[in-house]
Amino acid sequence: MGKTLTDQDKKIIISLEPNRPKGPFPKDSNQNDRSISESYYFSTTKYGPVNRLWLCYSTVLEAAYCESCWLFSKLCSHRSTGLRDWKHLSSRIEEHSKSKAHIEACAVHDLWRKNRASDKNLEEELKDHSAGGMKKF
């Protein structure tokens, strides 16, 4: 997570599903055997659960991290190490989700996702156009 990502790296990562493994997750003996759980992938609202698409988990680091900030922000404090403070995870997630750096990173991430979809549509159109053009000869 610490290396600088190229635009090509970012495109590949965005083309994949977010890194959100199912539990069980390892318990941290230094934190009263606490750990993350799948429930953190969602926030609860009066209208029901809302998927936190940006929240991921690294099995290598055994840490939660924000994919949007990892890809697009240089300001988020846990960008390269993730977060392992399971006792305060709920409050840290809430705090993080309201930060200016996170909101901006999510906006950029969303644009990249949309552009990827546009690129795929354009690619398909070009293939169709090329195939159609070849039939004329």
Protein backbone atom coordinates (compact mmCIF):
# COMPACT_ATOMS: atom_id res chain seq x y z
CA MET A 1 0.00 0.00 0.00
CA GLY A 2 2.96 2.32 0.44
CA LYS A 3 4.18 2.53 -3.18
CA THR A 4 3.14 5.26 -5.58
CA LEU A 5 0.54 3.95 -8.00
CA THR A 6 0.60 4.76 -11.69
CA ASP A 7 -2.58 5.60 -13.58
CA GLN A 8 -2.39 2.13 -15.13
CA ASP A 9 -2.18 0.55 -11.65
CA LYS A 10 -5.25 2.54 -10.62
CA LYS A 11 -7.19 1.45 -13.71
CA ILE A 12 -6.42 -2.20 -12.97
CA ILE A 13 -7.43 -1.87 -9.31
CA ILE A 14 -10.68 -0.12 -10.24
CA SER A 15 -11.48 -2.87 -12.75
CA LEU A 16 -11.36 -5.43 -9.93
CA GLU A 17 -13.84 -5.92 -7.13
CA PRO A 18 -12.96 -4.10 -3.88
CA ASN A 19 -10.87 -6.18 -1.47
CA ARG A 20 -13.59 -7.13 1.01
CA PRO A 21 -13.03 -10.66 2.26
CA LYS A 22 -15.66 -12.49 4.25
CA GLY A 23 -14.83 -13.39 7.85
CA PRO A 24 -13.83 -14.83 10.12
CA PHE A 25 -11.13 -12.25 10.69
CA PRO A 26 -8.09 -12.69 12.94
CA LYS A 27 -8.59 -11.46 16.49
CA ASP A 28 -5.98 -9.16 17.99
CA SER A 29 -4.87 -10.40 21.41
CA ASN A 30 -3.47 -6.93 22.18
CA GLN A 31 -6.99 -5.49 21.78
CA ASN A 32 -9.04 -7.88 23.92
CA ASP A 33 -9.44 -10.25 20.96
CA ARG A 34 -11.24 -7.63 18.90
CA SER A 35 -11.33 -7.71 15.11
CA ILE A 36 -13.13 -6.21 12.16
CA SER A 37 -16.37 -7.81 10.97
CA GLU A 38 -18.28 -7.74 7.69
CA SER A 39 -20.88 -5.46 9.29
CA TYR A 40 -18.43 -2.54 8.99
CA TYR A 41 -18.78 -2.72 5.20
CA PHE A 42 -22.22 -1.14 5.70
CA SER A 43 -23.54 1.89 7.53
CA THR A 44 -26.95 1.80 9.14
CA THR A 45 -29.47 4.49 8.34
CA LYS A 46 -33.15 4.86 9.13
CA TYR A 47 -33.79 3.69 5.55
CA GLY A 48 -31.69 0.56 5.94
CA PRO A 49 -28.08 -0.50 5.35
CA VAL A 50 -25.89 1.47 2.95
CA ASN A 51 -22.86 -0.17 1.38
CA ARG A 52 -19.56 1.58 2.16
CA LEU A 53 -18.04 0.73 -1.20
CA TRP A 54 -14.81 2.45 -0.23
CA LEU A 55 -14.11 0.39 2.91
CA CYS A 56 -11.79 -2.55 2.30
CA TYR A 57 -9.68 -4.97 4.33
CA SER A 58 -6.12 -6.09 3.70
CA THR A 59 -5.43 -9.66 4.81
CA VAL A 60 -1.71 -8.95 4.44
CA LEU A 61 -1.73 -5.94 6.78
CA GLU A 62 -4.72 -7.22 8.79
CA ALA A 63 -6.04 -3.67 8.56
CA ALA A 64 -9.07 -1.81 7.25
CA TYR A 65 -8.42 0.87 4.65
CA CYS A 66 -10.23 3.29 2.38
CA GLU A 67 -9.71 2.27 -1.24
CA SER A 68 -10.64 5.73 -2.53
CA CYS A 69 -8.08 7.47 -0.30
CA TRP A 70 -5.44 4.82 -1.01
CA LEU A 71 -5.84 5.46 -4.73
CA PHE A 72 -6.50 9.20 -4.87
CA SER A 73 -5.56 11.06 -1.67
CA LYS A 74 -2.20 12.04 -0.29
CA LEU A 75 -3.75 13.61 2.81
CA CYS A 76 -5.43 10.68 4.60
CA SER A 77 -3.36 9.64 7.60
CA HIS A 78 -4.00 5.88 7.34
CA ARG A 79 -3.53 5.79 3.57
CA SER A 80 -0.49 3.51 3.54
CA THR A 81 -0.87 1.52 6.76
CA GLY A 82 -4.60 1.03 7.14
CA LEU A 83 -6.42 1.11 10.45
CA ARG A 84 -6.21 -1.58 13.14
CA ASP A 85 -7.77 0.17 16.13
CA TRP A 86 -10.77 -2.17 16.36
CA LYS A 87 -12.10 -0.64 19.58
CA HIS A 88 -12.56 2.76 17.93
CA LEU A 89 -13.20 1.57 14.38
CA SER A 90 -16.82 2.75 14.21
CA SER A 91 -15.97 6.28 15.28
CA ARG A 92 -12.88 6.38 13.04
CA ILE A 93 -14.96 5.28 10.04
CA GLU A 94 -17.58 7.94 10.74
CA GLU A 95 -14.92 10.61 11.22
CA HIS A 96 -13.08 9.52 8.08
CA SER A 97 -16.22 9.42 5.94
CA LYS A 98 -16.89 13.09 6.73
CA SER A 99 -13.35 14.34 6.06
CA LYS A 100 -12.77 16.67 3.12
CA ALA A 101 -9.88 14.55 1.80
CA HIS A 102 -12.06 11.42 1.81
CA ILE A 103 -15.02 13.12 0.11
CA GLU A 104 -12.73 14.48 -2.61
CA ALA A 105 -11.02 11.09 -3.08
CA CYS A 106 -14.42 9.37 -3.41
CA ALA A 107 -15.50 11.91 -6.03
CA VAL A 108 -12.35 11.27 -8.07
CA HIS A 109 -12.74 7.50 -7.61
CA ASP A 110 -16.33 7.72 -8.87
CA LEU A 111 -15.21 9.70 -11.94
CA TRP A 112 -12.57 7.09 -12.72
CA ARG A 113 -15.19 4.31 -12.41
CA LYS A 114 -17.54 6.20 -14.74
CA ASN A 115 -14.75 6.91 -17.22
CA ARG A 116 -13.83 3.24 -17.17
CA ALA A 117 -17.41 2.39 -18.10
CA SER A 118 -17.30 5.05 -20.83
CA ASP A 119 -13.98 3.67 -22.07
CA LYS A 120 -15.50 0.17 -22.26
CA ASN A 121 -18.53 1.47 -24.16
CA LEU A 122 -16.30 3.39 -26.54
CA GLU A 123 -14.10 0.32 -27.02
CA GLU A 124 -17.17 -1.79 -27.89
CA GLU A 125 -18.44 0.88 -30.29
CA LEU A 126 -15.04 1.02 -31.99
CA LYS A 127 -14.94 -2.77 -32.31
CA ASP A 128 -18.46 -2.81 -33.76
CA HIS A 129 -17.63 0.04 -36.12
CA SER A 130 -14.38 -1.62 -37.24
CA ALA A 131 -16.09 -4.97 -37.76
CA GLY A 132 -18.87 -3.28 -39.74
CA GLY A 133 -16.38 -1.36 -41.81
CA MET A 134 -14.44 -4.51 -42.64
CA LYS A 135 -17.61 -6.20 -43.92
CA LYS A 136 -17.95 -3.53 -46.59
CA PHE A 137 -14.73 -4.59 -48.30
